[in-house]
PDB file of N, CA and C in Angstrom:
ATOM      1  N   MET A   1      63.380 -27.865  40.488  1.00  0.00           N
ATOM      2  CA  MET A   1      62.492 -26.495  39.819  1.00  0.00           C
ATOM      3  C   MET A   1      62.177 -25.977  39.724  1.00  0.00           C
ATOM      4  N   GLY A   2      61.197 -25.084  39.291  1.00  0.00           N
ATOM      5  CA  GLY A   2      59.625 -24.497  39.040  1.00  0.00           C
ATOM      6  C   GLY A   2      59.036 -24.335  39.544  1.00  0.00           C
ATOM      7  N   GLN A   3      59.075 -25.845  40.832  1.00  0.00           N
ATOM      8  CA  GLN A   3      58.048 -26.161  41.462  1.00  0.00           C
ATOM      9  C   GLN A   3      57.194 -25.491  42.622  1.00  0.00           C
ATOM     10  N   GLU A   4      55.990 -25.190  42.627  1.00  0.00           N
ATOM     11  CA  GLU A   4      54.607 -24.219  43.043  1.00  0.00           C
ATOM     12  C   GLU A   4      54.475 -25.437  44.482  1.00  0.00           C
ATOM     13  N   SER A   5      54.644 -24.180  45.590  1.00  0.00           N
ATOM     14  CA  SER A   5      54.219 -25.091  46.360  1.00  0.00           C
ATOM     15  C   SER A   5      52.880 -24.300  47.653  1.00  0.00           C
ATOM     16  N   PRO A   6      52.632 -24.671  48.487  1.00  0.00           N
ATOM     17  CA  PRO A   6      50.901 -23.645  49.124  1.00  0.00           C
ATOM     18  C   PRO A   6      52.228 -23.298  50.428  1.00  0.00           C
ATOM     19  N   LEU A   7      51.916 -21.562  50.659  1.00  0.00           N
ATOM     20  CA  LEU A   7      52.002 -20.603  51.731  1.00  0.00           C
ATOM     21  C   LEU A   7      51.792 -21.423  52.659  1.00  0.00           C
ATOM     22  N   TYR A   8      51.205 -22.464  53.675  1.00  0.00           N
ATOM     23  CA  TYR A   8      50.613 -23.187  54.328  1.00  0.00           C
ATOM     24  C   TYR A   8      52.144 -23.789  55.030  1.00  0.00           C
ATOM     25  N   ALA A   9      51.961 -24.850  54.047  1.00  0.00           N
ATOM     26  CA  ALA A   9      53.705 -26.048  54.419  1.00  0.00           C
ATOM     27  C   ALA A   9      54.659 -25.618  53.864  1.00  0.00           C
ATOM     28  N   GLY A  10      55.664 -26.044  55.629  1.00  0.00           N
ATOM     29  CA  GLY A  10      56.245 -25.828  54.489  1.00  0.00           C
ATOM     30  C   GLY A  10      57.547 -24.383  55.657  1.00  0.00           C
ATOM     31  N   ALA A  11      58.668 -24.675  56.799  1.00  0.00           N
ATOM     32  CA  ALA A  11      58.422 -23.273  57.544  1.00  0.00           C
ATOM     33  C   ALA A  11      59.102 -21.976  56.410  1.00  0.00           C
ATOM     34  N   SER A  12      59.828 -22.627  54.945  1.00  0.00           N
ATOM     35  CA  SER A  12      60.361 -21.264  54.400  1.00  0.00           C
ATOM     36  C   SER A  12      58.767 -20.326  54.015  1.00  0.00           C
ATOM     37  N   ALA A  13      58.081 -21.622  53.053  1.00  0.00           N
ATOM     38  CA  ALA A  13      56.624 -21.216  53.370  1.00  0.00           C
ATOM     39  C   ALA A  13      55.917 -20.413  54.532  1.00  0.00           C
ATOM     40  N   LYS A  14      55.936 -20.817  55.137  1.00  0.00           N
ATOM     41  CA  LYS A  14      55.177 -20.137  56.433  1.00  0.00           C
ATOM     42  C   LYS A  14      55.832 -18.797  57.285  1.00  0.00           C
ATOM     43  N   VAL A  15      57.264 -19.071  57.024  1.00  0.00           N
ATOM     44  CA  VAL A  15      57.467 -17.822  57.983  1.00  0.00           C
ATOM     45  C   VAL A  15      57.555 -16.759  56.951  1.00  0.00           C
ATOM     46  N   LEU A  16      57.192 -16.986  55.793  1.00  0.00           N
ATOM     47  CA  LEU A  16      56.786 -15.426  54.936  1.00  0.00           C
ATOM     48  C   LEU A  16      55.573 -15.153  54.751  1.00  0.00           C
ATOM     49  N   LEU A  17      54.738 -16.048  54.988  1.00  0.00           N
ATOM     50  CA  LEU A  17      53.302 -15.908  55.442  1.00  0.00           C
ATOM     51  C   LEU A  17      52.966 -15.462  56.885  1.00  0.00           C
ATOM     52  N   ALA A  18      53.791 -15.958  57.683  1.00  0.00           N
ATOM     53  CA  ALA A  18      53.762 -15.295  58.921  1.00  0.00           C
ATOM     54  C   ALA A  18      53.373 -13.728  59.399  1.00  0.00           C
ATOM     55  N   TYR A  19      54.388 -13.376  58.610  1.00  0.00           N
ATOM     56  CA  TYR A  19      54.659 -11.571  57.986  1.00  0.00           C
ATOM     57  C   TYR A  19      53.991 -11.406  57.058  1.00  0.00           C
ATOM     58  N   PHE A  20      52.578 -11.221  57.102  1.00  0.00           N
ATOM     59  CA  PHE A  20      52.091 -11.212  56.470  1.00  0.00           C
ATOM     60  C   PHE A  20      50.784  -9.776  56.407  1.00  0.00           C
ATOM     61  N   SER A  21      50.735  -8.777  56.606  1.00  0.00           N
ATOM     62  CA  SER A  21      49.670  -7.369  58.078  1.00  0.00           C
ATOM     63  C   SER A  21      47.985  -8.892  57.404  1.00  0.00           C
ATOM     64  N   PRO A  22      47.945  -8.154  58.466  1.00  0.00           N
ATOM     65  CA  PRO A  22      46.698  -9.326  58.677  1.00  0.00           C
ATOM     66  C   PRO A  22      45.367  -8.937  58.514  1.00  0.00           C
ATOM     67  N   LYS A  23      45.467  -8.317  57.219  1.00  0.00           N
ATOM     68  CA  LYS A  23      43.972  -8.007  56.335  1.00  0.00           C
ATOM     69  C   LYS A  23      44.676  -8.876  55.210  1.00  0.00           C
ATOM     70  N   GLN A  24      46.102  -9.408  54.724  1.00  0.00           N
ATOM     71  CA  GLN A  24      46.388 -10.307  53.445  1.00  0.00           C
ATOM     72  C   GLN A  24      46.022 -11.568  53.721  1.00  0.00           C
ATOM     73  N   LEU A  25      46.628 -11.546  55.637  1.00  0.00           N
ATOM     74  CA  LEU A  25      46.528 -13.049  55.895  1.00  0.00           C
ATOM     75  C   LEU A  25      45.167 -13.834  56.124  1.00  0.00           C
ATOM     76  N   GLU A  26      43.892 -13.134  56.594  1.00  0.00           N
ATOM     77  CA  GLU A  26      42.594 -13.068  56.761  1.00  0.00           C
ATOM     78  C   GLU A  26      42.031 -13.664  55.179  1.00  0.00           C
ATOM     79  N   ARG A  27      42.333 -12.769  53.833  1.00  0.00           N
ATOM     80  CA  ARG A  27      41.672 -13.595  52.730  1.00  0.00           C
ATOM     81  C   ARG A  27      42.289 -14.457  52.720  1.00  0.00           C
ATOM     82  N   TYR A  28      43.575 -14.493  53.180  1.00  0.00           N
ATOM     83  CA  TYR A  28      44.808 -15.846  52.118  1.00  0.00           C
ATOM     84  C   TYR A  28      43.761 -16.890  52.988  1.00  0.00           C
ATOM     85  N   VAL A  29      43.615 -16.700  54.062  1.00  0.00           N
ATOM     86  CA  VAL A  29      42.989 -17.943  54.872  1.00  0.00           C
ATOM     87  C   VAL A  29      41.333 -18.312  54.460  1.00  0.00           C
ATOM     88  N   LYS A  30      41.000 -17.366  54.538  1.00  0.00           N
ATOM     89  CA  LYS A  30      39.142 -17.655  54.128  1.00  0.00           C
ATOM     90  C   LYS A  30      39.375 -18.189  52.502  1.00  0.00           C
ATOM     91  N   ARG A  31      40.357 -18.094  51.105  1.00  0.00           N
ATOM     92  CA  ARG A  31      39.620 -18.386  50.210  1.00  0.00           C
ATOM     93  C   ARG A  31      40.724 -20.468  50.077  1.00  0.00           C
ATOM     94  N   ILE A  32      41.393 -20.168  51.095  1.00  0.00           N
ATOM     95  CA  ILE A  32      43.172 -21.260  50.913  1.00  0.00           C
ATOM     96  C   ILE A  32      42.025 -22.588  51.344  1.00  0.00           C
ATOM     97  N   GLU A  33      42.469 -23.473  50.763  1.00  0.00           N
ATOM     98  CA  GLU A  33      41.979 -24.924  50.890  1.00  0.00           C
ATOM     99  C   GLU A  33      42.917 -25.839  51.433  1.00  0.00           C
ATOM    100  N   LEU A  34      43.276 -25.951  52.458  1.00  0.00           N
ATOM    101  CA  LEU A  34      44.586 -26.784  53.001  1.00  0.00           C
ATOM    102  C   LEU A  34      44.800 -28.275  53.158  1.00  0.00           C
ATOM    103  N   GLU A  35      45.170 -28.435  51.762  1.00  0.00           N
ATOM    104  CA  GLU A  35      45.409 -30.244  51.513  1.00  0.00           C
ATOM    105  C   GLU A  35      46.731 -30.978  51.881  1.00  0.00           C
ATOM    106  N   LYS A  36      46.640 -32.109  52.550  1.00  0.00           N
ATOM    107  CA  LYS A  36      47.474 -32.487  52.747  1.00  0.00           C
ATOM    108  C   LYS A  36      48.925 -32.559  51.597  1.00  0.00           C
ATOM    109  N   ILE A  37      49.595 -32.682  51.881  1.00  0.00           N
ATOM    110  CA  ILE A  37      50.942 -32.839  51.001  1.00  0.00           C
ATOM    111  C   ILE A  37      51.417 -34.002  51.243  1.00  0.00           C
ATOM    112  N   ALA A  38      52.445 -33.535  52.595  1.00  0.00           N
ATOM    113  CA  ALA A  38      53.186 -35.335  53.386  1.00  0.00           C
ATOM    114  C   ALA A  38      52.241 -35.283  54.267  1.00  0.00           C
ATOM    115  N   ASP A  39      52.460 -36.299  55.259  1.00  0.00           N
ATOM    116  CA  ASP A  39      52.502 -36.719  56.268  1.00  0.00           C
ATOM    117  C   ASP A  39      52.459 -35.849  57.429  1.00  0.00           C
ATOM    118  N   ASN A  40      53.022 -34.703  57.855  1.00  0.00           N
ATOM    119  CA  ASN A  40      52.897 -34.065  58.664  1.00  0.00           C
ATOM    120  C   ASN A  40      52.024 -32.043  58.403  1.00  0.00           C
ATOM    121  N   THR A  41      51.828 -32.179  57.492  1.00  0.00           N
ATOM    122  CA  THR A  41      50.800 -31.236  56.696  1.00  0.00           C
ATOM    123  C   THR A  41      49.953 -30.825  57.491  1.00  0.00           C
ATOM    124  N   ILE A  42      50.007 -29.532  57.613  1.00  0.00           N
ATOM    125  CA  ILE A  42      48.666 -28.552  58.586  1.00  0.00           C
ATOM    126  C   ILE A  42      47.538 -29.076  58.010  1.00  0.00           C
ATOM    127  N   THR A  43      46.275 -28.772  58.288  1.00  0.00           N
ATOM    128  CA  THR A  43      45.407 -29.209  57.401  1.00  0.00           C
ATOM    129  C   THR A  43      43.541 -28.609  57.775  1.00  0.00           C
ATOM    130  N   LEU A  44      44.214 -27.428  59.195  1.00  0.00           N
ATOM    131  CA  LEU A  44      43.568 -27.286  60.192  1.00  0.00           C
ATOM    132  C   LEU A  44      43.728 -25.737  59.688  1.00  0.00           C
ATOM    133  N   LYS A  45      42.985 -25.437  59.780  1.00  0.00           N
ATOM    134  CA  LYS A  45      42.879 -23.377  59.767  1.00  0.00           C
ATOM    135  C   LYS A  45      43.424 -22.224  61.269  1.00  0.00           C
ATOM    136  N   GLU A  46      42.508 -22.846  61.857  1.00  0.00           N
ATOM    137  CA  GLU A  46      43.352 -22.932  63.012  1.00  0.00           C
ATOM    138  C   GLU A  46      44.045 -22.429  63.862  1.00  0.00           C
ATOM    139  N   THR A  47      44.535 -24.488  63.426  1.00  0.00           N
ATOM    140  CA  THR A  47      46.110 -24.379  63.599  1.00  0.00           C
ATOM    141  C   THR A  47      46.964 -24.146  62.937  1.00  0.00           C
ATOM    142  N   LEU A  48      46.762 -23.463  62.051  1.00  0.00           N
ATOM    143  CA  LEU A  48      47.933 -22.965  60.499  1.00  0.00           C
ATOM    144  C   LEU A  48      47.464 -21.447  62.007  1.00  0.00           C
ATOM    145  N   VAL A  49      46.799 -21.273  62.074  1.00  0.00           N
ATOM    146  CA  VAL A  49      46.758 -19.929  62.152  1.00  0.00           C
ATOM    147  C   VAL A  49      47.194 -19.758  63.462  1.00  0.00           C
ATOM    148  N   ASN A  50      47.045 -20.190  64.486  1.00  0.00           N
ATOM    149  CA  ASN A  50      48.235 -20.391  65.999  1.00  0.00           C
ATOM    150  C   ASN A  50      49.135 -21.097  65.396  1.00  0.00           C
ATOM    151  N   GLU A  51      49.476 -21.408  64.875  1.00  0.00           N
ATOM    152  CA  GLU A  51      51.245 -21.225  64.350  1.00  0.00           C
ATOM    153  C   GLU A  51      51.908 -20.219  63.709  1.00  0.00           C
ATOM    154  N   LEU A  52      51.403 -19.839  62.732  1.00  0.00           N
ATOM    155  CA  LEU A  52      51.561 -18.293  62.141  1.00  0.00           C
ATOM    156  C   LEU A  52      51.911 -17.247  63.690  1.00  0.00           C
ATOM    157  N   ASN A  53      51.307 -16.862  64.654  1.00  0.00           N
ATOM    158  CA  ASN A  53      51.178 -16.508  65.835  1.00  0.00           C
ATOM    159  C   ASN A  53      52.574 -17.049  66.347  1.00  0.00           C
ATOM    160  N   SER A  54      52.342 -17.943  66.645  1.00  0.00           N
ATOM    161  CA  SER A  54      53.896 -18.822  67.269  1.00  0.00           C
ATOM    162  C   SER A  54      55.425 -17.825  66.286  1.00  0.00           C
ATOM    163  N   ILE A  55      54.984 -18.581  65.062  1.00  0.00           N
ATOM    164  CA  ILE A  55      56.323 -17.690  64.171  1.00  0.00           C
ATOM    165  C   ILE A  55      56.535 -16.173  64.654  1.00  0.00           C
ATOM    166  N   ARG A  56      55.453 -15.393  64.427  1.00  0.00           N
ATOM    167  CA  ARG A  56      55.949 -14.138  64.565  1.00  0.00           C
ATOM    168  C   ARG A  56      56.854 -14.062  65.880  1.00  0.00           C
ATOM    169  N   ASN A  57      56.046 -15.039  66.967  1.00  0.00           N
ATOM    170  CA  ASN A  57      56.586 -14.506  68.215  1.00  0.00           C
ATOM    171  C   ASN A  57      58.434 -14.637  68.480  1.00  0.00           C
ATOM    172  N   GLN A  58      58.542 -16.376  68.127  1.00  0.00           N
ATOM    173  CA  GLN A  58      59.779 -16.436  68.342  1.00  0.00           C
ATOM    174  C   GLN A  58      60.499 -16.305  67.384  1.00  0.00           C
ATOM    175  N   GLY A  59      60.363 -15.047  65.862  1.00  0.00           N
ATOM    176  CA  GLY A  59      60.647 -15.398  65.683  1.00  0.00           C
ATOM    177  C   GLY A  59      61.660 -16.153  63.787  1.00  0.00           C
ATOM    178  N   TYR A  60      60.827 -17.629  63.912  1.00  0.00           N
ATOM    179  CA  TYR A  60      61.886 -18.694  63.219  1.00  0.00           C
ATOM    180  C   TYR A  60      60.445 -19.314  62.715  1.00  0.00           C
ATOM    181  N   ALA A  61      60.204 -20.494  62.263  1.00  0.00           N
ATOM    182  CA  ALA A  61      59.421 -21.636  61.340  1.00  0.00           C
ATOM    183  C   ALA A  61      60.035 -22.799  61.636  1.00  0.00           C
ATOM    184  N   PHE A  62      59.407 -24.054  62.391  1.00  0.00           N
ATOM    185  CA  PHE A  62      60.479 -25.193  61.895  1.00  0.00           C
ATOM    186  C   PHE A  62      58.919 -26.354  61.135  1.00  0.00           C
ATOM    187  N   SER A  63      59.832 -26.786  60.524  1.00  0.00           N
ATOM    188  CA  SER A  63      58.347 -28.419  59.844  1.00  0.00           C
ATOM    189  C   SER A  63      59.786 -29.688  59.749  1.00  0.00           C
ATOM    190  N   ASN A  64      58.889 -30.387  60.472  1.00  0.00           N
ATOM    191  CA  ASN A  64      58.860 -31.674  59.907  1.00  0.00           C
ATOM    192  C   ASN A  64      58.111 -32.350  58.825  1.00  0.00           C
ATOM    193  N   GLY A  65      58.920 -33.028  58.357  1.00  0.00           N
ATOM    194  CA  GLY A  65      57.722 -33.757  56.942  1.00  0.00           C
ATOM    195  C   GLY A  65      56.364 -32.463  57.239  1.00  0.00           C
ATOM    196  N   GLU A  66      56.028 -31.219  56.123  1.00  0.00           N
ATOM    197  CA  GLU A  66      54.853 -30.736  56.377  1.00  0.00           C
ATOM    198  C   GLU A  66      55.214 -30.697  54.982  1.00  0.00           C
ATOM    199  N   ARG A  67      55.578 -30.688  53.954  1.00  0.00           N
ATOM    200  CA  ARG A  67      56.273 -30.204  52.846  1.00  0.00           C
ATOM    201  C   ARG A  67      57.065 -31.646  51.849  1.00  0.00           C
ATOM    202  N   VAL A  68      57.892 -32.203  52.821  1.00  0.00           N
ATOM    203  CA  VAL A  68      58.396 -32.955  52.148  1.00  0.00           C
ATOM    204  C   VAL A  68      58.663 -34.143  52.652  1.00  0.00           C
ATOM    205  N   LYS A  69      58.608 -34.729  52.775  1.00  0.00           N
ATOM    206  CA  LYS A  69      58.626 -36.176  53.157  1.00  0.00           C
ATOM    207  C   LYS A  69      59.887 -37.016  53.725  1.00  0.00           C
ATOM    208  N   GLY A  70      60.488 -36.935  55.389  1.00  0.00           N
ATOM    209  CA  GLY A  70      61.832 -36.812  56.133  1.00  0.00           C
ATOM    210  C   GLY A  70      62.274 -35.229  55.706  1.00  0.00           C
ATOM    211  N   ALA A  71      62.243 -34.746  55.738  1.00  0.00           N
ATOM    212  CA  ALA A  71      63.115 -33.154  55.907  1.00  0.00           C
ATOM    213  C   ALA A  71      61.917 -32.429  56.568  1.00  0.00           C
ATOM    214  N   VAL A  72      63.894 -31.811  57.927  1.00  0.00           N
ATOM    215  CA  VAL A  72      63.112 -31.329  58.712  1.00  0.00           C
ATOM    216  C   VAL A  72      63.357 -29.764  57.412  1.00  0.00           C
ATOM    217  N   SER A  73      62.711 -29.094  58.293  1.00  0.00           N
ATOM    218  CA  SER A  73      63.665 -27.802  57.764  1.00  0.00           C
ATOM    219  C   SER A  73      62.997 -26.414  59.434  1.00  0.00           C
ATOM    220  N   ILE A  74      64.169 -25.028  59.059  1.00  0.00           N
ATOM    221  CA  ILE A  74      63.934 -24.225  60.250  1.00  0.00           C
ATOM    222  C   ILE A  74      64.137 -22.789  59.111  1.00  0.00           C
ATOM    223  N   SER A  75      63.537 -22.090  59.851  1.00  0.00           N
ATOM    224  CA  SER A  75      63.394 -20.974  58.486  1.00  0.00           C
ATOM    225  C   SER A  75      63.244 -19.703  59.591  1.00  0.00           C
ATOM    226  N   ALA A  76      63.940 -18.870  58.766  1.00  0.00           N
ATOM    227  CA  ALA A  76      63.941 -16.895  59.580  1.00  0.00           C
ATOM    228  C   ALA A  76      63.905 -15.664  58.887  1.00  0.00           C
ATOM    229  N   PRO A  77      62.929 -15.007  59.102  1.00  0.00           N
ATOM    230  CA  PRO A  77      62.210 -13.583  57.911  1.00  0.00           C
ATOM    231  C   PRO A  77      63.955 -12.859  57.723  1.00  0.00           C
ATOM    232  N   ILE A  78      63.830 -12.274  57.259  1.00  0.00           N
ATOM    233  CA  ILE A  78      64.562 -11.331  55.961  1.00  0.00           C
ATOM    234  C   ILE A  78      63.488 -10.394  56.184  1.00  0.00           C
ATOM    235  N   PHE A  79      63.925  -8.742  56.539  1.00  0.00           N
ATOM    236  CA  PHE A  79      62.842  -7.985  56.436  1.00  0.00           C
ATOM    237  C   PHE A  79      64.074  -6.596  55.390  1.00  0.00           C
ATOM    238  N   ASN A  80      62.952  -5.396  54.582  1.00  0.00           N
ATOM    239  CA  ASN A  80      63.488  -4.544  54.440  1.00  0.00           C
ATOM    240  C   ASN A  80      63.680  -3.123  55.201  1.00  0.00           C
ATOM    241  N   PRO A  81      63.884  -2.566  54.476  1.00  0.00           N
ATOM    242  CA  PRO A  81      64.203  -1.248  55.007  1.00  0.00           C
ATOM    243  C   PRO A  81      62.888  -0.898  56.455  1.00  0.00           C
ATOM    244  N   PHE A  82      61.610  -1.034  55.259  1.00  0.00           N
ATOM    245  CA  PHE A  82      60.414  -0.470  56.008  1.00  0.00           C
ATOM    246  C   PHE A  82      60.037  -1.348  57.572  1.00  0.00           C
ATOM    247  N   ASN A  83      60.471  -2.714  57.573  1.00  0.00           N
ATOM    248  CA  ASN A  83      60.281  -3.502  57.999  1.00  0.00           C
ATOM    249  C   ASN A  83      59.445  -4.127  57.554  1.00  0.00           C
ATOM    250  N   GLU A  84      59.381  -5.056  56.469  1.00  0.00           N
ATOM    251  CA  GLU A  84      57.854  -6.271  55.455  1.00  0.00           C
ATOM    252  C   GLU A  84      59.113  -6.727  55.374  1.00  0.00           C
ATOM    253  N   ILE A  85      58.356  -7.713  55.836  1.00  0.00           N
ATOM    254  CA  ILE A  85      59.437  -9.619  55.415  1.00  0.00           C
ATOM    255  C   ILE A  85      60.053  -8.734  53.614  1.00  0.00           C
ATOM    256  N   LEU A  86      61.288  -9.401  53.446  1.00  0.00           N
ATOM    257  CA  LEU A  86      61.203  -9.728  52.439  1.00  0.00           C
ATOM    258  C   LEU A  86      61.555 -10.857  51.196  1.00  0.00           C
ATOM    259  N   ALA A  87      62.519 -11.601  52.318  1.00  0.00           N
ATOM    260  CA  ALA A  87      62.956 -13.108  51.852  1.00  0.00           C
ATOM    261  C   ALA A  87      62.608 -14.005  53.082  1.00  0.00           C
ATOM    262  N   GLY A  88      62.770 -15.010  53.522  1.00  0.00           N
ATOM    263  CA  GLY A  88      63.126 -15.734  54.158  1.00  0.00           C
ATOM    264  C   GLY A  88      64.721 -16.513  54.009  1.00  0.00           C
ATOM    265  N   MET A  89      65.571 -17.209  55.498  1.00  0.00           N
ATOM    266  CA  MET A  89      66.570 -17.885  55.503  1.00  0.00           C
ATOM    267  C   MET A  89      66.367 -19.779  55.723  1.00  0.00           C
ATOM    268  N   SER A  90      66.935 -20.325  55.340  1.00  0.00           N
ATOM    269  CA  SER A  90      66.446 -21.907  55.555  1.00  0.00           C
ATOM    270  C   SER A  90      67.298 -22.702  55.567  1.00  0.00           C
ATOM    271  N   ILE A  91      67.639 -23.555  56.658  1.00  0.00           N
ATOM    272  CA  ILE A  91      67.943 -25.251  57.369  1.00  0.00           C
ATOM    273  C   ILE A  91      67.925 -25.982  56.631  1.00  0.00           C
ATOM    274  N   ILE A  92      67.705 -26.626  55.631  1.00  0.00           N
ATOM    275  CA  ILE A  92      66.921 -27.743  55.623  1.00  0.00           C
ATOM    276  C   ILE A  92      68.363 -29.321  56.243  1.00  0.00           C
ATOM    277  N   ILE A  93      67.686 -30.373  57.096  1.00  0.00           N
ATOM    278  CA  ILE A  93      68.286 -31.401  57.247  1.00  0.00           C
ATOM    279  C   ILE A  93      67.416 -33.112  56.795  1.00  0.00           C
ATOM    280  N   PRO A  94      67.651 -33.682  56.742  1.00  0.00           N
ATOM    281  CA  PRO A  94      66.873 -34.797  56.351  1.00  0.00           C
ATOM    282  C   PRO A  94      66.967 -34.866  57.924  1.00  0.00           C
ATOM    283  N   SER A  95      65.512 -36.211  57.607  1.00  0.00           N
ATOM    284  CA  SER A  95      64.580 -36.257  59.352  1.00  0.00           C
ATOM    285  C   SER A  95      66.355 -36.956  60.390  1.00  0.00           C
ATOM    286  N   ALA A  96      65.930 -38.185  59.280  1.00  0.00           N
ATOM    287  CA  ALA A  96      67.109 -39.104  59.947  1.00  0.00           C
ATOM    288  C   ALA A  96      68.516 -38.336  60.214  1.00  0.00           C
ATOM    289  N   ARG A  97      69.304 -37.310  60.364  1.00  0.00           N
ATOM    290  CA  ARG A  97      69.875 -37.037  60.450  1.00  0.00           C
ATOM    291  C   ARG A  97      69.824 -35.694  61.502  1.00  0.00           C
ATOM    292  N   PHE A  98      68.851 -35.674  61.726  1.00  0.00           N
ATOM    293  CA  PHE A  98      68.863 -34.215  62.780  1.00  0.00           C
ATOM    294  C   PHE A  98      68.632 -33.894  64.349  1.00  0.00           C
ATOM    295  N   GLU A  99      68.839 -35.144  64.571  1.00  0.00           N
ATOM    296  CA  GLU A  99      68.905 -35.620  66.239  1.00  0.00           C
ATOM    297  C   GLU A  99      70.439 -35.429  66.818  1.00  0.00           C
ATOM    298  N   GLU A 100      71.269 -35.270  65.266  1.00  0.00           N
ATOM    299  CA  GLU A 100      72.638 -35.225  65.591  1.00  0.00           C
ATOM    300  C   GLU A 100      73.256 -33.455  65.519  1.00  0.00           C
ATOM    301  N   TYR A 101      72.108 -32.618  65.594  1.00  0.00           N
ATOM    302  CA  TYR A 101      72.504 -31.167  65.589  1.00  0.00           C
ATOM    303  C   TYR A 101      71.624 -30.410  66.577  1.00  0.00           C
ATOM    304  N   ASN A 102      72.764 -30.234  67.563  1.00  0.00           N
ATOM    305  CA  ASN A 102      71.649 -28.799  68.168  1.00  0.00           C
ATOM    306  C   ASN A 102      70.932 -27.749  67.834  1.00  0.00           C
ATOM    307  N   SER A 103      69.603 -28.276  68.055  1.00  0.00           N
ATOM    308  CA  SER A 103      68.224 -27.115  67.300  1.00  0.00           C
ATOM    309  C   SER A 103      68.518 -26.356  68.201  1.00  0.00           C
ATOM    310  N   GLU A 104      68.486 -25.533  69.140  1.00  0.00           N
ATOM    311  CA  GLU A 104      68.925 -24.428  69.524  1.00  0.00           C
ATOM    312  C   GLU A 104      69.715 -23.344  69.325  1.00  0.00           C
ATOM    313  N   GLU A 105      71.168 -24.345  68.729  1.00  0.00           N
ATOM    314  CA  GLU A 105      71.913 -23.654  68.063  1.00  0.00           C
ATOM    315  C   GLU A 105      71.716 -23.279  66.810  1.00  0.00           C
ATOM    316  N   LEU A 106      71.814 -23.972  65.851  1.00  0.00           N
ATOM    317  CA  LEU A 106      70.384 -23.608  64.274  1.00  0.00           C
ATOM    318  C   LEU A 106      70.254 -22.689  64.599  1.00  0.00           C
ATOM    319  N   ILE A 107      69.180 -22.396  65.413  1.00  0.00           N
ATOM    320  CA  ILE A 107      67.457 -21.513  65.161  1.00  0.00           C
ATOM    321  C   ILE A 107      69.216 -20.281  65.922  1.00  0.00           C
ATOM    322  N   GLU A 108      70.020 -20.931  66.322  1.00  0.00           N
ATOM    323  CA  GLU A 108      70.524 -19.285  67.648  1.00  0.00           C
ATOM    324  C   GLU A 108      71.354 -18.544  66.399  1.00  0.00           C
ATOM    325  N   LEU A 109      72.122 -19.603  65.367  1.00  0.00           N
ATOM    326  CA  LEU A 109      72.763 -19.292  64.130  1.00  0.00           C
ATOM    327  C   LEU A 109      71.757 -18.535  62.779  1.00  0.00           C
ATOM    328  N   LEU A 110      70.747 -18.791  62.478  1.00  0.00           N
ATOM    329  CA  LEU A 110      70.017 -18.756  61.296  1.00  0.00           C
ATOM    330  C   LEU A 110      69.070 -17.239  62.379  1.00  0.00           C
ATOM    331  N   LYS A 111      68.593 -16.949  63.116  1.00  0.00           N
ATOM    332  CA  LYS A 111      68.742 -15.998  63.330  1.00  0.00           C
ATOM    333  C   LYS A 111      69.517 -15.071  63.690  1.00  0.00           C
ATOM    334  N   ASN A 112      70.751 -14.727  63.624  1.00  0.00           N
ATOM    335  CA  ASN A 112      71.925 -14.046  63.369  1.00  0.00           C
ATOM    336  C   ASN A 112      71.677 -13.439  62.281  1.00  0.00           C
ATOM    337  N   GLY A 113      71.997 -14.624  61.662  1.00  0.00           N
ATOM    338  CA  GLY A 113      72.626 -14.342  60.007  1.00  0.00           C
ATOM    339  C   GLY A 113      71.248 -13.662  59.536  1.00  0.00           C
ATOM    340  N   THR A 114      70.570 -13.989  59.307  1.00  0.00           N
ATOM    341  CA  THR A 114      69.133 -12.728  59.298  1.00  0.00           C
ATOM    342  C   THR A 114      69.045 -11.666  59.710  1.00  0.00           C
ATOM    343  N   SER A 115      69.413 -11.762  60.974  1.00  0.00           N
ATOM    344  CA  SER A 115      69.414  -9.991  61.479  1.00  0.00           C
ATOM    345  C   SER A 115      70.602  -9.143  61.186  1.00  0.00           C
ATOM    346  N   GLU A 116      71.584  -9.973  61.053  1.00  0.00           N
ATOM    347  CA  GLU A 116      72.578  -9.298  60.255  1.00  0.00           C
ATOM    348  C   GLU A 116      72.136  -8.981  58.878  1.00  0.00           C
ATOM    349  N   ILE A 117      71.868  -9.388  57.736  1.00  0.00           N
ATOM    350  CA  ILE A 117      71.205  -9.439  56.054  1.00  0.00           C
ATOM    351  C   ILE A 117      70.154  -8.603  56.846  1.00  0.00           C
ATOM    352  N   THR A 118      68.888  -8.160  57.429  1.00  0.00           N
ATOM    353  CA  THR A 118      68.158  -7.347  57.830  1.00  0.00           C
ATOM    354  C   THR A 118      69.156  -6.081  58.173  1.00  0.00           C
ATOM    355  N   ASN A 119      69.664  -6.092  58.795  1.00  0.00           N
ATOM    356  CA  ASN A 119      70.950  -4.737  60.064  1.00  0.00           C
ATOM    357  C   ASN A 119      70.900  -4.075  58.471  1.00  0.00           C
ATOM    358  N   LYS A 120      71.771  -4.944  56.972  1.00  0.00           N
ATOM    359  CA  LYS A 120      72.705  -4.432  56.434  1.00  0.00           C
ATOM    360  C   LYS A 120      71.396  -3.571  55.451  1.00  0.00           C
ATOM    361  N   LEU A 121      70.699  -4.214  55.085  1.00  0.00           N
ATOM    362  CA  LEU A 121      69.740  -4.090  53.992  1.00  0.00           C
ATOM    363  C   LEU A 121      69.105  -2.801  54.751  1.00  0.00           C
ATOM    364  N   LYS A 122      69.270  -2.027  56.056  1.00  0.00           N
ATOM    365  CA  LYS A 122      68.271  -0.982  56.893  1.00  0.00           C
ATOM    366  C   LYS A 122      69.406   0.254  56.382  1.00  0.00           C
ATOM    367  N   THR A 123      70.736  -0.223  56.600  1.00  0.00           N
ATOM    368  CA  THR A 123      71.993   1.327  55.987  1.00  0.00           C
ATOM    369  C   THR A 123      71.644   1.494  54.753  1.00  0.00           C
ATOM    370  N   PHE A 124      70.789   0.681  53.707  1.00  0.00           N
ATOM    371  CA  PHE A 124      70.922   1.085  52.236  1.00  0.00           C
ATOM    372  C   PHE A 124      69.605   2.250  52.161  1.00  0.00           C
ATOM    373  N   ASN A 125      68.441   2.252  53.139  1.00  0.00           N
ATOM    374  CA  ASN A 125      67.452   3.226  53.635  1.00  0.00           C
ATOM    375  C   ASN A 125      68.237   4.438  53.773  1.00  0.00           C
TER     376      ASN A 125
END
């Protein structure tokens, strides 16, 4: 509780970062140093930017041991009525148990859930 972590490590953080405006993202990438937090933390800026583009294209982020050793995470964005990133919803599973699940099904369920929340938020505008 109260723990801070950088936006470049882990699916829940990267899904937020991926939807920064191009100008905000450029400023962030210029000033940040990518430090290794866990075994699979991204430490190259070019790799990070490429992954953020993929996240925007596929509509979800995935990480395996990027921020927490032994944790697999999938996150999808929730948007406000102005189509701006508001939050993310995540599924976190111990990596030792991840193969027990159908990852495509988890991604689909997660994206359906975040789409439903986004659509409900749009009705408030």
